[in-house]
Structure formats: structure tokens, C-alpha cells
């Protein structure tokens, strides 16, 4: 898991096309999701969440019960 994450970071940086922070979000999300699959309850990472009144967070970690759709179609706050 960690080796895959580091290889992704190396590839992004080596491309010379990434930006300082957000280009690395997918690699971080993949790492969190790989670790999250091993947890009980399982945890999933979502990057670039909707603004819920305190600005736009970089991402969040959610369990399966937080993914039950609400009327607005968004995951439960958490």
C-alpha cells in the first residue's frame, strides 16, 4: 500500500506537470481507500467534498452507513 502510494507520488512529481497540492490527492485517496478496506467498519475516502457551511474541505473519511443517500443525493454529514 505505502509503496504504491510513494510510486504514485514519484510518478506525479516526475511528470513535471503536477501542482503543489491537488495533483497528489488521487494518490492519497487511493492509499486511504486501501487502508480503509482493511478496517471494521470499512472506511472510504472522498476528496473535494461539498461546502457544508465551513468552507470546502480537502476530503473526508466515511463508513458505509454514511453513504445511504439522503433526499439531496449527498452522503450523510460526518
Protein backbone atom coordinates (compact mmCIF):
# COMPACT_ATOMS: atom_id res chain seq x y z
CA UNK A 1 0.00 0.00 0.00
CA UNK A 2 2.58 2.54 1.08
CA UNK A 3 4.96 1.53 -1.71
CA UNK A 4 2.16 2.05 -4.27
CA UNK A 5 1.43 5.47 -2.76
CA UNK A 6 5.08 6.50 -2.91
CA UNK A 7 5.37 5.27 -6.50
CA UNK A 8 2.33 7.36 -7.47
CA UNK A 9 3.86 10.43 -5.82
CA UNK A 10 7.13 9.83 -7.65
CA UNK A 11 5.33 9.49 -10.99
CA UNK A 12 3.33 12.68 -10.47
CA UNK A 13 6.36 14.67 -9.39
CA UNK A 14 8.48 13.17 -12.16
CA UNK A 15 5.97 14.25 -14.79
CA UNK A 16 6.69 17.89 -14.01
CA UNK A 17 3.02 18.61 -14.70
CA UNK A 18 1.56 18.37 -11.20
CA UNK A 19 0.65 21.27 -8.95
CA UNK A 20 1.85 21.61 -5.37
CA UNK A 21 -1.09 20.02 -3.56
CA UNK A 22 -4.10 18.86 -5.50
CA UNK A 23 -2.25 16.71 -8.03
CA UNK A 24 -1.41 14.37 -5.16
CA UNK A 25 -4.99 13.98 -3.87
CA UNK A 26 -5.80 10.91 -6.01
CA UNK A 27 -2.74 9.06 -4.68
CA UNK A 28 -3.70 9.96 -1.11
CA UNK A 29 -7.29 8.88 -1.71
CA UNK A 30 -6.09 5.54 -3.10
CA UNK A 31 -3.92 5.00 -0.01
CA UNK A 32 -6.75 5.87 2.39
CA UNK A 33 -9.16 3.59 0.49
CA UNK A 34 -6.69 0.69 0.52
CA UNK A 35 -6.25 1.05 4.28
CA UNK A 36 -9.97 1.67 4.75
CA UNK A 37 -10.83 -1.67 3.13
CA UNK A 38 -8.93 -3.43 5.93
CA UNK A 39 -10.84 -1.69 8.74
CA UNK A 40 -14.04 -2.69 10.51
CA UNK A 41 -16.20 -0.92 9.63
CA UNK A 42 -14.72 -0.27 6.21
CA UNK A 43 -13.86 3.36 5.50
CA UNK A 44 -13.90 5.22 2.19
CA UNK A 45 -12.17 8.49 1.30
CA UNK A 46 -13.92 11.17 -0.73
CA UNK A 47 -11.83 14.09 -1.97
CA UNK A 48 -13.22 17.61 -2.61
CA UNK A 49 -16.41 17.44 -0.59
CA UNK A 50 -19.29 19.86 -0.91
CA UNK A 51 -19.31 23.01 1.21
CA UNK A 52 -21.47 22.32 4.26
CA UNK A 53 -21.10 25.80 5.71
CA UNK A 54 -17.48 25.84 6.87
CA UNK A 55 -15.74 26.10 3.51
CA UNK A 56 -14.76 23.35 1.13
CA UNK A 57 -12.81 20.58 2.89
CA UNK A 58 -10.00 18.76 1.09
CA UNK A 59 -11.64 15.43 1.80
CA UNK A 60 -13.36 13.20 4.29
CA UNK A 61 -13.49 9.64 5.56
CA UNK A 62 -16.83 7.83 5.62
CA UNK A 63 -18.22 4.46 6.68
CA UNK A 64 -20.81 2.58 4.59
CA UNK A 65 -23.75 3.74 6.71
CA UNK A 66 -22.84 7.34 5.88
CA UNK A 67 -23.33 6.58 2.18
CA UNK A 68 -27.05 5.96 2.42
CA UNK A 69 -28.48 8.56 0.08
CA UNK A 70 -30.39 11.45 1.52
CA UNK A 71 -33.06 13.44 -0.30
CA UNK A 72 -30.38 15.76 -1.74
CA UNK A 73 -28.36 12.79 -3.04
CA UNK A 74 -25.31 13.60 -0.90
CA UNK A 75 -23.67 11.36 1.71
CA UNK A 76 -24.66 11.98 5.30
CA UNK A 77 -22.59 14.67 7.02
CA UNK A 78 -19.88 13.24 9.17
